[in-house]
Every structure is written in C-alpha cells, then in structure tokens.
Amino acid sequence: MTGRVRLTPIITTLTPLDDLFGDDRFESRRYWFARWCYKNRDKHAPSGHTWLERFNQMEGVSLESYIKFSNENNLKEKFADRKKPKKFITTFVKK
C-alpha cells in the first residue's frame, strides 16, 4: 500500500480506539467514516469498491458490526450530538 493512510489495527473484538491510543481523534475518525460509508454504501469509492466494502477493508470489521458497536457504546451521543459552533453570520449594511 502506498501513501500515508494508516489502517486501523486488526482487533478481534471491537473496542473504542481511544482506549488503545488514549486519543479521541481515532474513534471520532472511525465514527464519521462509518457514517459516510453508510450514507454512500451503494455508491462506488475511487478505488472501484462500494463504500460498504471500503469500510470493511479500512477498518477490518463489517459496517453492520460497527453500527451495533456504536449503538451499544452511545458513540452518537459522544461525537454527533456535541454542540456545534454557531455559524458566523455577517450582515451587510447599505451606506
């Protein structure tokens, strides 16, 4: 494999990656990648595989298993329901 892509280590049981690396960014990346792959599961990735297949290749676990794991560990509450910063709104005033 070429490039700078770092694959998730293959683990026999799903555990939050934060426990392994002590950093929130790895599990967050996997969670958002799973959401992307689920929404686009029937479309093809640049590699020619479907996004569902690509998730299996990259993460070493099926998307269905990860969804179950995500629901059991309330990852949506942890990552998706965070307060998002308000968009900066600019108003234009006529002079």
Protein backbone atom coordinates (compact mmCIF):
# COMPACT_ATOMS: atom_id res chain seq x y z
CA MET A 1 0.00 0.00 0.00
CA THR A 2 1.32 3.41 -0.87
CA GLY A 3 0.53 6.80 0.56
CA ARG A 4 0.10 7.97 4.11
CA VAL A 5 -3.06 6.08 5.00
CA ARG A 6 -2.77 4.42 8.37
CA LEU A 7 -5.04 1.43 8.69
CA THR A 8 -6.80 0.65 11.93
CA PRO A 9 -5.09 -2.22 13.76
CA ILE A 10 -6.95 -5.51 13.40
CA ILE A 11 -8.58 -6.36 16.71
CA THR A 12 -10.64 -9.50 17.33
CA THR A 13 -13.24 -7.67 19.41
CA LEU A 14 -14.37 -4.14 18.80
CA THR A 15 -13.07 -1.73 21.40
CA PRO A 16 -13.01 2.05 21.25
CA LEU A 17 -9.77 3.13 19.62
CA ASP A 18 -9.48 5.82 22.27
CA ASP A 19 -8.71 3.07 24.80
CA LEU A 20 -5.81 1.86 22.66
CA PHE A 21 -4.30 5.21 21.74
CA GLY A 22 -5.60 7.45 24.51
CA ASP A 23 -6.74 9.97 21.94
CA ASP A 24 -10.29 10.95 20.93
CA ARG A 25 -9.43 11.60 17.29
CA PHE A 26 -9.10 7.95 16.17
CA GLU A 27 -12.53 6.77 17.28
CA SER A 28 -14.03 10.03 16.05
CA ARG A 29 -12.47 9.45 12.63
CA ARG A 30 -13.81 5.88 12.50
CA TYR A 31 -17.29 7.02 13.61
CA TRP A 32 -17.56 9.73 10.95
CA PHE A 33 -16.09 7.42 8.30
CA ALA A 34 -18.76 4.84 9.20
CA ARG A 35 -21.48 7.46 8.81
CA TRP A 36 -20.11 8.48 5.41
CA CYS A 37 -19.88 4.88 4.27
CA TYR A 38 -23.40 4.10 5.45
CA LYS A 39 -24.89 7.07 3.61
CA ASN A 40 -22.98 6.18 0.44
CA ARG A 41 -22.93 2.39 0.86
CA ASP A 42 -24.26 1.65 -2.64
CA LYS A 43 -22.02 4.16 -4.40
CA HIS A 44 -18.52 3.39 -5.60
CA ALA A 45 -15.42 4.81 -3.96
CA PRO A 46 -12.49 5.96 -6.14
CA SER A 47 -10.96 2.52 -5.57
CA GLY A 48 -13.83 0.93 -7.53
CA HIS A 49 -15.28 -0.82 -4.47
CA THR A 50 -18.50 0.24 -2.82
CA TRP A 51 -18.14 2.35 0.31
CA LEU A 52 -19.51 -0.58 2.30
CA GLU A 53 -16.65 -2.77 1.06
CA ARG A 54 -14.17 0.06 1.60
CA PHE A 55 -15.17 0.38 5.26
CA ASN A 56 -14.61 -3.35 5.72
CA GLN A 57 -11.16 -3.06 4.11
CA MET A 58 -10.06 0.01 6.03
CA GLU A 59 -11.43 -0.85 9.47
CA GLY A 60 -11.20 -4.64 9.45
CA VAL A 61 -14.79 -5.03 10.62
CA SER A 62 -18.14 -5.00 8.84
CA LEU A 63 -20.15 -1.80 8.86
CA GLU A 64 -23.11 -3.65 10.39
CA SER A 65 -20.93 -4.79 13.31
CA TYR A 66 -19.62 -1.28 13.81
CA ILE A 67 -23.14 0.20 13.80
CA LYS A 68 -24.12 -2.26 16.54
CA PHE A 69 -20.95 -1.39 18.47
CA SER A 70 -21.65 2.32 18.02
CA ASN A 71 -25.19 1.98 19.35
CA GLU A 72 -24.06 -0.09 22.35
CA ASN A 73 -21.39 2.48 23.27
CA ASN A 74 -23.50 5.61 22.60
CA LEU A 75 -20.97 7.00 20.13
CA LYS A 76 -23.60 9.23 18.53
CA GLU A 77 -24.03 10.97 21.87
CA LYS A 78 -20.27 11.31 22.18
CA PHE A 79 -19.45 12.56 18.67
CA ALA A 80 -22.54 13.69 16.73
CA ASP A 81 -24.51 15.43 19.46
CA ARG A 82 -21.72 17.77 20.54
CA LYS A 83 -22.61 21.41 20.49
CA LYS A 84 -21.60 22.71 17.14
CA PRO A 85 -20.26 26.23 16.93
CA LYS A 86 -22.72 28.72 15.57
CA LYS A 87 -22.05 29.86 12.06
CA PHE A 88 -20.68 33.32 11.81
CA ILE A 89 -23.37 35.49 10.26
CA THR A 90 -22.40 38.66 8.53
CA THR A 91 -24.93 41.35 7.80
CA PHE A 92 -24.35 43.91 5.13
CA VAL A 93 -25.49 47.46 5.69
CA LYS A 94 -26.15 49.81 2.80
CA LYS A 95 -24.36 53.12 3.07
